[in-house]
Amino acid sequence: MTSDPEPAEPSRRMPTGVPGLDTVLGGGLRHGGVYLVIGPPGAGKTVLGNQICFAQAVTGARAIYLTLLSENHSNMLDNLEGLSFFDRRLIGDGLQYVSAYGVLEQGGLDRLLEFVRQLVQAQRPVLLAVDGLATLAEMAVSAVALKQFINQLQIVGSLFTCSFLLFSSLDAAVGTRAEHASVDGVIELHRVSLGLRSARELEIHKLRGSSHLDGRHAFVITRDGLRIYPRLEARFRSLDIPPEQLDRRLTFGVPLLDAMLGGGLQARSTTLLVGTTGSGKTLLGLRFLASGAEQGEPGLYVGFYETAGELRAKADSVGFGLSAHVDAGRVGMLWYPPYETLIDALAERIFEVLEEQGVRRLFLDGLEGIEGAAVHQERVQSFMMALSNTLKERGVTTIFSAEIRDLAGPTVKIPLEGISIVAGNIILMRQVELKGSTRHVLSVMKMRRSGYEPVIRMFSIGAQGIVMGDPIERVDAILTGTPRSVPARGRRRR
C-alpha cells in the first residue's frame, strides 16, 4: 500500500500551506517547535518563510516576519508582490513585519530575546519567522550563547504555543554548529547544477517527534511560490493486492496478439514494450488505449517527443479512431518536454489525472524521457519500480515503451539497466531484413504469472490497423535484426 508518513495529531501540527511540504514533514510543523531553514543565497528561503506566514494569516491566525538584516521591508514586499499568495490586505493585523536589527545591535542576544518574548506575548502569533540567523550568530559572544538563545526561544514557544522558523545562509555542514543540535528540526534547501541544467531540492536533516520522508525532494519556485514534489520512492511503503484482482485480462483488440498473450495483459500488470525506432511501439501502445476506450476503460497517454496532434493523426490513419476517444474524454493525453521535466512532478500529474478521469490503462511512451529528465540517474530504476507499484495499487494496467539503440546486432540488450525487474511482461518489436525486404516482427519475451505463446510473428501496419501474420519458421536469429535461413529437413546441402 502506498502511504506517506503517519501524520501526527492535527492539534499538535501547524499546516505550512506549501504544497508537498507537509507530506515531507509528516504532517506539518509542531506547535511551539523551533525549526532552522538553511540554504545558499537565492535558494528560496525568503519566499518559503513568507509563503508559510501568509498561509497562517489567511486562516485568521497571526504570524510575524522578523528581520535581523539591514534590508528594508518595502524592497522585500515589492519582490513578493508578484506571487499569488501575497495579499497586502493581510499585512498589519494577520501578518506583521518587524525589524529587530537595531535591538540586536544595541543590546545583543539578551535584549533581542526579551524583545521577542514581549512581542509574542502581546500579539500571540502562531508563527514567528526570523530572517537573518547568520547575523545573530556573528553577534553572539560564543556558540554556547547562541545555543542558550535558541533554548530560550523553545521555552517561549511552549509557553505561548508559537512556532519559530529561523532562516540562515550559513553553509557549515549540518550537525557541526551549535544551533543545529538545539533546534527541533533542520530543513536545507539545495541548488544542484548538472551541466547547463540546475534543479532545487529540499532535505530534512532532523525532525524531533515526527516521522518524515528521508532524502532529497525536488521543488520549484513559480508564481505560486514553492511547490515540493516528495520523492516517489520515499512515499511508497508496501503493496498487497489480492491475486484474484490480477486475473482479469485486458486486450489490445488484435486477435492473434491477444492469443499470444494468453488472452491479453493481466489487470494491474506492467509491460515493457521494447523495440527499435520505427518498429511500431507507439502505435501498439495507442492500440491498447483505443481498445480500452472501446470497452469503457478510460486511458491515458504520456509522452515526451510526439505532440498530441501528431499522435492523433498517426493513430487515425490506421483506423484506431483515437481522436474520437480523446474528444469524448475516454483517452487523455499528456506531453512533457524531455530533459526539463521533474520526474516526481510528472508522477504527481499522472496520479492527478488518474483520479480525475478514472484511468484504468496507461501508456508511457519513451522511458528515455524519464532517463533524460532524472536529475540523479542512479534513482531511475527505483523511481520506475515505485511508479509501477503505485499504479498497480491504483488499479491501472501500464505499458512503458523503450527504444533499442542498435538497429541490428548479435544480441538484444534491454535499455535502462534493471528495468526488466520492474516489468512483469516484455514484448519485443523490431524491423528486420528478410529476403531483401524490411519486415516488422514481434515476440513475447516474458509474462509473469501467465502462460504465453513463445513464437515470433511478422506483422503489418496499414489502413486496417495492426495485423499479425503467421509464426516465422525456418529462420534463425531473426530478433537480432540479421536473420539467417534454416534449410528444410531432409534437404541436402551441396
Protein backbone atom coordinates (compact mmCIF):
# COMPACT_ATOMS: atom_id res chain seq x y z
CA MET A 1 0.00 0.00 0.00
CA THR A 2 1.31 3.47 -0.88
CA SER A 3 1.24 5.87 2.02
CA ASP A 4 3.01 8.89 3.39
CA PRO A 5 4.47 9.03 6.91
CA GLU A 6 1.79 8.60 9.55
CA PRO A 7 0.72 12.19 10.36
CA ALA A 8 0.78 13.36 13.94
CA GLU A 9 -2.36 14.52 15.73
CA PRO A 10 -3.76 17.57 13.87
CA SER A 11 -3.96 19.53 17.14
CA ARG A 12 -0.18 19.26 17.52
CA ARG A 13 0.66 20.32 13.97
CA MET A 14 0.51 23.56 12.03
CA PRO A 15 -0.04 23.17 8.26
CA THR A 16 2.57 25.12 6.30
CA GLY A 17 0.38 25.85 3.30
CA VAL A 18 3.25 24.90 0.99
CA PRO A 19 2.18 22.14 -1.46
CA GLY A 20 4.06 18.94 -0.72
CA LEU A 21 5.94 20.22 2.34
CA ASP A 22 3.54 18.84 4.93
CA THR A 23 3.84 15.43 3.26
CA VAL A 24 7.63 15.57 3.61
CA LEU A 25 7.30 16.77 7.22
CA GLY A 26 4.82 14.04 8.11
CA GLY A 27 2.01 16.46 8.89
CA GLY A 28 3.38 19.99 9.25
CA LEU A 29 5.28 21.93 11.90
CA ARG A 30 4.82 21.12 15.59
CA HIS A 31 3.17 23.91 17.56
CA GLY A 32 5.81 25.53 19.76
CA GLY A 33 8.73 23.99 17.82
CA VAL A 34 11.84 25.81 16.65
CA TYR A 35 12.98 24.98 13.13
CA LEU A 36 16.10 26.00 11.24
CA VAL A 37 15.95 26.55 7.47
CA ILE A 38 19.35 26.79 5.80
CA GLY A 39 20.50 27.23 2.23
CA PRO A 40 22.66 29.38 -0.04
CA PRO A 41 21.56 32.84 -1.21
CA GLY A 42 18.86 32.52 -3.85
CA ALA A 43 17.72 29.08 -2.68
CA GLY A 44 14.22 30.33 -1.83
CA LYS A 45 14.36 30.84 1.94
CA THR A 46 12.69 34.26 1.94
CA VAL A 47 9.89 33.10 -0.36
CA LEU A 48 9.35 30.00 1.79
CA GLY A 49 9.18 31.98 5.03
CA ASN A 50 6.69 34.49 3.64
CA GLN A 51 4.59 31.78 2.00
CA ILE A 52 4.19 29.97 5.32
CA CYS A 53 3.40 33.24 7.12
CA PHE A 54 0.69 34.22 4.61
CA ALA A 55 -0.77 30.71 4.85
CA GLN A 56 -1.34 31.28 8.58
CA ALA A 57 -2.70 34.80 8.17
CA VAL A 58 -5.23 33.77 5.54
CA THR A 59 -6.83 31.37 8.06
CA GLY A 60 -7.33 34.20 10.56
CA ALA A 61 -4.31 33.34 12.70
CA ARG A 62 -1.44 35.75 13.27
CA ALA A 63 2.13 35.49 12.03
CA ILE A 64 5.19 37.74 12.40
CA TYR A 65 8.11 38.05 9.98
CA LEU A 66 11.06 39.43 11.91
CA THR A 67 14.24 40.52 10.14
CA LEU A 68 17.75 40.89 11.51
CA LEU A 69 19.02 42.38 8.27
CA SER A 70 19.61 45.94 7.21
CA GLU A 71 17.40 45.49 4.10
CA ASN A 72 14.18 47.44 4.40
CA HIS A 73 10.85 45.66 4.27
CA SER A 74 9.48 47.67 1.34
CA ASN A 75 12.04 46.17 -1.03
CA MET A 76 11.20 42.64 0.13
CA LEU A 77 7.45 43.24 -0.21
CA ASP A 78 7.89 44.69 -3.68
CA ASN A 79 9.69 41.49 -4.71
CA LEU A 80 6.94 39.34 -3.22
CA GLU A 81 4.04 41.24 -4.75
CA GLY A 82 4.10 39.20 -7.95
CA LEU A 83 3.46 35.95 -6.08
CA SER A 84 -0.10 34.66 -5.87
CA PHE A 85 -0.08 34.07 -2.11
CA PHE A 86 0.86 37.72 -1.41
CA ASP A 87 -2.05 39.82 -0.13
CA ARG A 88 -1.37 43.32 1.23
CA ARG A 89 -4.75 43.31 2.98
CA LEU A 90 -3.39 40.76 5.45
CA ILE A 91 -0.39 42.91 6.41
CA GLY A 92 -0.77 44.78 9.66
CA ASP A 93 -3.17 42.53 11.51
CA GLY A 94 -2.82 38.94 10.32
CA LEU A 95 0.83 39.38 9.32
CA GLN A 96 3.28 41.87 10.76
CA TYR A 97 6.76 42.74 9.50
CA VAL A 98 9.15 43.76 12.26
CA SER A 99 12.80 44.79 12.07
CA ALA A 100 14.90 43.90 15.13
CA TYR A 101 18.34 44.67 13.71
CA GLY A 102 18.66 47.77 15.87
CA VAL A 103 17.61 45.85 19.00
CA LEU A 104 20.26 43.21 18.36
CA GLU A 105 22.94 45.76 17.54
CA GLN A 106 22.35 47.79 20.70
CA GLY A 107 21.54 45.09 23.26
CA GLY A 108 22.85 41.78 21.94
CA LEU A 109 21.12 38.43 22.23
CA ASP A 110 19.66 39.07 25.70
CA ARG A 111 17.89 42.22 24.60
CA LEU A 112 16.65 40.55 21.41
CA LEU A 113 15.28 37.60 23.38
CA GLU A 114 13.31 39.91 25.65
CA PHE A 115 12.03 41.82 22.62
CA VAL A 116 10.80 38.58 21.02
CA ARG A 117 9.20 37.39 24.25
CA GLN A 118 7.24 40.62 24.66
CA LEU A 119 6.22 40.60 21.01
CA VAL A 120 4.90 37.04 21.19
CA GLN A 121 3.13 37.67 24.50
CA ALA A 122 1.41 40.77 23.14
CA GLN A 123 0.49 39.57 19.64
CA ARG A 124 0.05 35.81 20.28
CA PRO A 125 1.14 34.68 16.79
CA VAL A 126 1.10 31.01 15.83
CA LEU A 127 4.32 31.55 13.88
CA LEU A 128 7.31 33.86 14.10
CA ALA A 129 9.84 33.73 11.26
CA VAL A 130 13.32 35.08 11.99
CA ASP A 131 15.21 36.04 8.83
CA GLY A 132 18.94 36.55 9.34
CA LEU A 133 20.22 33.94 11.79
CA ALA A 134 23.69 34.42 10.28
CA THR A 135 23.69 37.97 11.66
CA LEU A 136 22.62 36.62 15.05
CA ALA A 137 25.43 34.06 15.01
CA GLU A 138 28.01 36.72 14.15
CA MET A 139 26.97 38.89 17.09
CA ALA A 140 26.79 36.02 19.61
CA VAL A 141 29.75 36.08 22.01
CA SER A 142 30.06 32.29 21.75
CA ALA A 143 28.46 29.17 20.34
CA VAL A 144 27.12 28.43 23.83
CA ALA A 145 25.38 31.82 23.93
CA LEU A 146 23.67 31.11 20.61
CA LYS A 147 22.56 27.69 21.85
CA GLN A 148 21.14 29.25 25.02
CA PHE A 149 19.25 31.79 22.92
CA ILE A 150 17.59 29.01 20.91
CA ASN A 151 16.75 27.10 24.08
CA GLN A 152 15.02 30.18 25.42
CA LEU A 153 13.05 30.52 22.18
CA GLN A 154 11.83 26.96 22.73
CA ILE A 155 10.57 27.95 26.17
CA VAL A 156 8.77 30.98 24.74
CA GLY A 157 7.28 28.81 22.01
CA SER A 158 6.00 26.27 24.52
CA LEU A 159 4.52 28.93 26.82
CA PHE A 160 2.64 30.77 24.07
CA THR A 161 2.15 27.93 21.53
CA CYS A 162 4.18 29.76 18.91
CA SER A 163 6.39 28.03 16.35
CA PHE A 164 9.66 29.61 15.21
CA LEU A 165 11.31 29.42 11.79
CA LEU A 166 14.94 30.55 11.77
CA PHE A 167 16.43 31.26 8.33
CA SER A 168 20.16 31.22 7.71
CA SER A 169 22.58 31.14 4.78
CA LEU A 170 25.31 29.62 6.96
CA ASP A 171 26.96 26.91 4.86
CA ALA A 172 28.64 24.87 7.59
CA ALA A 173 27.98 21.14 7.39
CA VAL A 174 24.74 20.15 9.06
CA GLY A 175 25.40 18.94 12.58
CA THR A 176 28.61 20.87 13.06
CA ARG A 177 27.10 24.03 14.53
CA ALA A 178 25.55 24.51 17.94
CA GLU A 179 22.23 25.76 16.57
CA HIS A 180 21.79 22.57 14.53
CA ALA A 181 21.78 20.48 17.69
CA SER A 182 19.47 22.83 19.59
CA VAL A 183 16.55 23.20 17.19
CA ASP A 184 13.65 20.77 16.75
CA GLY A 185 14.20 20.44 13.02
CA VAL A 186 16.69 21.31 10.28
CA ILE A 187 15.46 21.89 6.73
CA GLU A 188 18.00 22.51 3.99
CA LEU A 189 17.36 23.98 0.54
CA HIS A 190 19.86 22.85 -2.10
CA ARG A 191 20.81 24.09 -5.56
CA VAL A 192 22.01 21.31 -7.86
CA SER A 193 23.84 22.02 -11.13
CA LEU A 194 24.33 19.37 -13.81
CA GLY A 195 25.96 20.83 -16.89
CA LEU A 196 23.65 23.53 -18.24
CA ARG A 197 20.76 22.34 -16.08
CA SER A 198 20.01 23.29 -12.50
CA ALA A 199 17.48 21.99 -10.00
CA ARG A 200 16.28 22.80 -6.49
CA GLU A 201 15.94 20.21 -3.73
CA LEU A 202 14.75 20.19 -0.13
CA GLU A 203 16.05 17.85 2.57
CA ILE A 204 15.00 17.23 6.17
CA HIS A 205 18.12 16.53 8.22
CA LYS A 206 16.39 16.39 11.56
CA LEU A 207 12.82 16.42 12.87
CA ARG A 208 12.10 15.74 16.51
CA GLY A 209 8.95 13.88 17.48
CA SER A 210 7.87 13.00 13.95
CA SER A 211 8.40 10.59 11.10
CA HIS A 212 9.26 12.28 7.83
CA LEU A 213 10.35 11.45 4.29
CA ASP A 214 14.11 10.97 4.14
CA GLY A 215 16.38 12.10 1.35
CA ARG A 216 16.15 14.99 -1.06
CA HIS A 217 12.91 16.13 -2.69
CA ALA A 218 12.69 18.31 -5.78
CA PHE A 219 10.93 21.66 -5.63
CA VAL A 220 10.21 24.56 -7.92
CA ILE A 221 9.54 28.25 -7.37
CA THR A 222 6.75 29.61 -9.54
CA ARG A 223 4.30 32.47 -9.35
CA ASP A 224 2.53 30.44 -6.65
CA GLY A 225 5.67 30.20 -4.52
CA LEU A 226 7.39 26.96 -3.57
CA ARG A 227 5.95 23.59 -4.51
CA ILE A 228 7.68 20.48 -3.22
CA TYR A 229 7.44 17.16 -5.04
CA PRO A 230 8.07 14.40 -2.49
CA ARG A 231 10.34 11.69 -3.89
CA LEU A 232 8.12 8.85 -5.05
CA GLU A 233 10.37 6.08 -3.74
CA ALA A 234 10.29 7.62 -0.26
CA ARG A 235 6.48 7.67 -0.22
CA PHE A 236 5.94 4.08 -1.29
CA ARG A 237 5.59 1.61 1.57
CA SER A 238 4.24 -1.80 0.51
CA LEU A 239 1.96 -3.49 -2.00
CA ASP A 240 -0.70 -6.06 -1.14
CA ILE A 241 -3.16 -6.88 -3.93
CA PRO A 242 -5.36 -10.00 -3.71
CA PRO A 243 -4.42 -12.43 -6.52
CA GLU A 244 -8.00 -12.63 -7.81
CA GLN A 245 -7.81 -8.94 -8.76
CA LEU A 246 -4.96 -9.74 -11.15
CA ASP A 247 -6.72 -12.45 -13.13
CA ARG A 248 -8.77 -10.25 -15.47
CA ARG A 249 -7.30 -9.81 -18.97
CA LEU A 250 -7.05 -6.55 -20.91
CA THR A 251 -6.87 -6.92 -24.68
CA PHE A 252 -5.22 -4.94 -27.49
CA GLY A 253 -8.06 -5.71 -29.89
CA VAL A 254 -5.55 -7.50 -32.15
CA PRO A 255 -6.79 -11.14 -32.03
CA LEU A 256 -3.56 -13.04 -32.75
CA LEU A 257 -1.56 -10.81 -30.40
CA ASP A 258 -4.10 -11.25 -27.60
CA ALA A 259 -3.90 -15.02 -28.17
CA MET A 260 -0.07 -14.87 -27.93
CA LEU A 261 -0.54 -13.15 -24.55
CA GLY A 262 -2.84 -15.87 -23.24
CA GLY A 263 -5.91 -13.71 -23.65
CA GLY A 264 -4.38 -10.29 -23.07
CA LEU A 265 -2.37 -8.48 -20.41
CA GLN A 266 -3.21 -9.22 -16.81
CA ALA A 267 -5.01 -6.45 -14.97
CA ARG A 268 -2.69 -4.17 -12.98
CA SER A 269 0.37 -5.61 -14.70
CA THR A 270 3.33 -3.62 -16.05
CA THR A 271 4.50 -4.30 -19.59
CA LEU A 272 7.73 -3.17 -21.23
CA LEU A 273 7.27 -2.64 -24.96
CA VAL A 274 10.81 -2.57 -26.31
CA GLY A 275 11.99 -2.22 -29.89
CA THR A 276 13.99 -0.38 -32.49
CA THR A 277 12.99 3.01 -33.85
CA GLY A 278 10.11 2.72 -36.30
CA SER A 279 9.13 -0.75 -35.11
CA GLY A 280 5.57 0.29 -34.17
CA LYS A 281 5.86 0.65 -30.38
CA THR A 282 3.88 3.86 -30.18
CA LEU A 283 1.09 2.60 -32.42
CA LEU A 284 0.77 -0.63 -30.44
CA GLY A 285 0.55 1.35 -27.19
CA LEU A 286 -2.12 3.61 -28.70
CA ARG A 287 -3.99 0.49 -29.90
CA PHE A 288 -4.05 -0.68 -26.27
CA LEU A 289 -5.59 2.64 -25.17
CA ALA A 290 -8.12 2.64 -28.03
CA SER A 291 -9.15 -0.93 -27.22
CA GLY A 292 -9.75 0.06 -23.63
CA ALA A 293 -11.79 3.10 -24.65
CA GLU A 294 -13.96 0.86 -26.84
CA GLN A 295 -14.65 -1.27 -23.75
CA GLY A 296 -15.40 1.66 -21.44
CA GLU A 297 -11.98 1.71 -19.74
CA PRO A 298 -10.52 5.26 -19.72
CA GLY A 299 -6.89 5.51 -20.79
CA LEU A 300 -4.02 7.99 -20.58
CA TYR A 301 -1.11 8.60 -22.93
CA VAL A 302 2.05 10.22 -21.53
CA GLY A 303 4.84 11.11 -23.96
CA PHE A 304 7.92 13.26 -24.45
CA TYR A 305 8.52 13.52 -28.18
CA GLU A 306 5.48 13.49 -30.50
CA THR A 307 2.75 16.04 -29.85
CA ALA A 308 -0.88 15.14 -29.28
CA GLY A 309 -1.82 16.34 -32.77
CA GLU A 310 0.82 14.17 -34.42
CA LEU A 311 -0.25 11.12 -32.43
CA ARG A 312 -3.93 11.59 -33.18
CA ALA A 313 -3.21 11.87 -36.91
CA LYS A 314 -0.95 8.81 -36.83
CA ALA A 315 -3.48 6.66 -34.97
CA ASP A 316 -6.44 7.83 -37.05
CA SER A 317 -4.57 6.97 -40.27
CA VAL A 318 -4.63 3.28 -39.30
CA GLY A 319 -8.24 3.22 -38.15
CA PHE A 320 -7.85 3.44 -34.37
CA GLY A 321 -10.37 6.28 -34.03
CA LEU A 322 -8.17 7.87 -31.36
CA SER A 323 -9.34 11.45 -31.99
CA ALA A 324 -12.93 10.50 -31.23
CA HIS A 325 -11.86 8.85 -27.96
CA VAL A 326 -9.76 11.88 -26.98
CA ASP A 327 -12.57 14.33 -27.81
CA ALA A 328 -15.03 12.24 -25.80
CA GLY A 329 -12.69 12.16 -22.79
CA ARG A 330 -12.13 8.42 -22.96
CA VAL A 331 -8.38 8.88 -23.60
CA GLY A 332 -6.31 11.67 -22.06
CA MET A 333 -3.01 12.91 -23.45
CA LEU A 334 -0.10 14.49 -21.56
CA TRP A 335 3.03 15.78 -23.27
CA TYR A 336 6.19 16.87 -21.47
CA PRO A 337 9.45 18.13 -22.98
CA PRO A 338 12.34 15.77 -22.17
CA TYR A 339 15.28 17.00 -20.06
CA GLU A 340 13.38 19.89 -18.46
CA THR A 341 10.80 17.84 -16.58
CA LEU A 342 10.95 16.84 -12.92
CA ILE A 343 10.08 13.16 -12.79
CA ASP A 344 8.31 13.47 -9.44
CA ALA A 345 6.22 16.33 -10.83
CA LEU A 346 5.36 14.08 -13.78
CA ALA A 347 4.31 11.26 -11.43
CA GLU A 348 2.15 13.62 -9.38
CA ARG A 349 0.42 14.92 -12.51
CA ILE A 350 -0.23 11.35 -13.69
CA PHE A 351 -1.82 10.47 -10.36
CA GLU A 352 -4.00 13.60 -10.51
CA VAL A 353 -5.33 12.62 -13.95
CA LEU A 354 -5.91 9.04 -12.78
CA GLU A 355 -8.19 10.34 -10.06
CA GLU A 356 -9.92 12.94 -12.23
CA GLN A 357 -10.65 10.66 -15.19
CA GLY A 358 -10.80 7.20 -13.59
CA VAL A 359 -7.94 5.95 -15.79
CA ARG A 360 -7.51 2.17 -16.00
CA ARG A 361 -4.95 1.95 -18.82
CA LEU A 362 -1.73 3.96 -19.05
CA PHE A 363 0.79 4.13 -21.88
CA LEU A 364 4.03 5.94 -21.04
CA ASP A 365 5.78 6.33 -24.38
CA GLY A 366 9.55 6.62 -24.05
CA LEU A 367 11.42 5.59 -20.92
CA GLU A 368 14.29 7.57 -22.41
CA GLY A 369 12.31 10.67 -21.46
CA ILE A 370 12.30 9.56 -17.81
CA GLU A 371 16.01 8.81 -18.01
CA GLY A 372 16.75 12.22 -19.51
CA ALA A 373 14.55 14.09 -17.04
CA ALA A 374 16.05 12.46 -13.94
CA VAL A 375 18.44 14.80 -12.15
CA HIS A 376 20.05 11.78 -10.45
CA GLN A 377 20.43 8.90 -12.89
CA GLU A 378 21.03 6.37 -10.13
CA ARG A 379 17.41 6.65 -8.96
CA VAL A 380 15.73 5.87 -12.32
CA GLN A 381 15.25 2.18 -11.55
CA SER A 382 13.91 2.74 -8.03
CA PHE A 383 11.62 5.52 -9.30
CA MET A 384 10.23 3.27 -12.03
CA MET A 385 9.62 0.48 -9.54
CA ALA A 386 7.78 2.83 -7.17
CA LEU A 387 5.78 4.29 -10.06
CA SER A 388 4.84 0.83 -11.35
CA ASN A 389 3.76 -0.42 -7.92
CA THR A 390 1.77 2.73 -7.19
CA LEU A 391 -0.08 2.34 -10.49
CA LYS A 392 -0.80 -1.32 -9.67
CA GLU A 393 -2.22 -0.34 -6.33
CA ARG A 394 -4.50 2.19 -8.02
CA GLY A 395 -5.87 -0.44 -10.39
CA VAL A 396 -4.01 0.73 -13.51
CA THR A 397 -2.59 -1.57 -16.18
CA THR A 398 0.54 0.05 -17.57
CA ILE A 399 2.69 -0.15 -20.69
CA PHE A 400 6.09 1.53 -20.90
CA SER A 401 7.93 1.77 -24.21
CA ALA A 402 11.70 1.85 -24.59
CA GLU A 403 13.94 2.01 -27.61
CA ILE A 404 16.73 -0.39 -28.55
CA ARG A 405 19.52 1.86 -29.72
CA ASP A 406 21.17 -0.71 -32.04
CA LEU A 407 19.14 -1.37 -35.18
CA ALA A 408 20.90 -4.72 -35.68
CA GLY A 409 23.38 -6.82 -33.77
CA PRO A 410 24.16 -10.24 -32.37
CA THR A 411 22.41 -9.58 -29.07
CA VAL A 412 19.27 -7.82 -27.91
CA LYS A 413 20.07 -5.51 -25.00
CA ILE A 414 17.20 -4.20 -22.90
CA PRO A 415 17.65 -0.42 -22.42
CA LEU A 416 17.80 1.10 -18.95
CA GLU A 417 19.69 -1.48 -16.94
CA GLY A 418 17.50 -3.22 -14.37
CA ILE A 419 14.19 -2.04 -15.89
CA SER A 420 13.24 -5.63 -16.73
CA ILE A 421 12.86 -6.22 -12.98
CA VAL A 422 10.06 -3.65 -12.97
CA ALA A 423 8.24 -5.15 -15.94
CA GLY A 424 6.15 -8.26 -15.41
CA ASN A 425 5.77 -8.60 -19.18
CA ILE A 426 8.17 -7.84 -22.02
CA ILE A 427 7.17 -7.59 -25.69
CA LEU A 428 9.94 -7.18 -28.27
CA MET A 429 9.33 -5.46 -31.59
CA ARG A 430 11.80 -4.70 -34.32
CA GLN A 431 12.42 -4.30 -38.03
CA VAL A 432 14.47 -6.98 -39.74
CA GLU A 433 15.83 -7.62 -43.19
CA LEU A 434 14.27 -10.73 -44.69
CA LYS A 435 14.66 -11.76 -48.33
CA GLY A 436 15.70 -8.30 -49.36
CA SER A 437 12.81 -6.52 -47.62
CA THR A 438 12.33 -4.84 -44.26
CA ARG A 439 9.73 -6.59 -42.13
CA HIS A 440 8.19 -5.93 -38.72
CA VAL A 441 8.39 -8.77 -36.20
CA LEU A 442 7.05 -9.20 -32.65
CA SER A 443 7.71 -11.70 -29.89
CA VAL A 444 6.51 -12.08 -26.31
CA MET A 445 9.71 -12.44 -24.27
CA LYS A 446 8.28 -12.66 -20.76
CA MET A 447 4.97 -12.84 -18.93
CA ARG A 448 4.92 -13.08 -15.16
CA ARG A 449 2.27 -15.38 -13.66
CA SER A 450 0.93 -16.33 -17.09
CA GLY A 451 1.49 -18.65 -19.99
CA TYR A 452 2.13 -17.19 -23.44
CA GLU A 453 2.90 -18.25 -26.99
CA PRO A 454 6.71 -18.21 -27.44
CA VAL A 455 6.74 -17.64 -31.19
CA ILE A 456 7.89 -14.84 -33.47
CA ARG A 457 5.31 -13.35 -35.79
CA MET A 458 5.59 -10.83 -38.59
CA PHE A 459 3.02 -8.05 -38.52
CA SER A 460 1.99 -5.19 -40.74
CA ILE A 461 0.67 -1.71 -40.06
CA GLY A 462 -1.75 -0.18 -42.54
CA ALA A 463 -5.24 1.12 -43.09
CA GLN A 464 -6.60 -1.97 -41.33
CA GLY A 465 -4.54 -1.22 -38.23
CA ILE A 466 -2.10 -3.76 -36.83
CA VAL A 467 -2.41 -7.16 -38.47
CA MET A 468 -0.46 -10.14 -37.15
CA GLY A 469 0.89 -12.80 -39.51
CA ASP A 470 1.75 -16.46 -39.12
CA PRO A 471 4.66 -17.63 -36.93
CA ILE A 472 8.02 -17.37 -38.70
CA GLU A 473 9.62 -20.72 -39.45
CA ARG A 474 12.98 -21.88 -40.83
CA VAL A 475 14.72 -18.63 -39.85
CA ASP A 476 17.24 -18.25 -37.04
CA ALA A 477 18.50 -15.17 -35.16
CA ILE A 478 15.66 -13.05 -36.51
CA LEU A 479 15.39 -10.96 -33.33
CA THR A 480 18.95 -9.74 -33.78
CA GLY A 481 17.88 -7.94 -36.92
CA THR A 482 20.21 -10.07 -39.06
CA PRO A 483 18.36 -13.39 -39.58
CA ARG A 484 19.61 -16.40 -41.48
CA SER A 485 17.60 -19.10 -43.24
CA VAL A 486 17.49 -22.64 -41.95
CA PRO A 487 17.27 -25.40 -44.62
CA ALA A 488 14.18 -27.59 -44.59
CA ARG A 489 14.62 -31.03 -43.06
CA GLY A 490 15.76 -33.70 -45.48
CA ARG A 491 17.36 -31.24 -47.92
CA ARG A 492 20.97 -31.99 -48.61
CA ARG A 493 23.48 -29.21 -48.73
CA ARG A 494 25.92 -29.08 -51.62
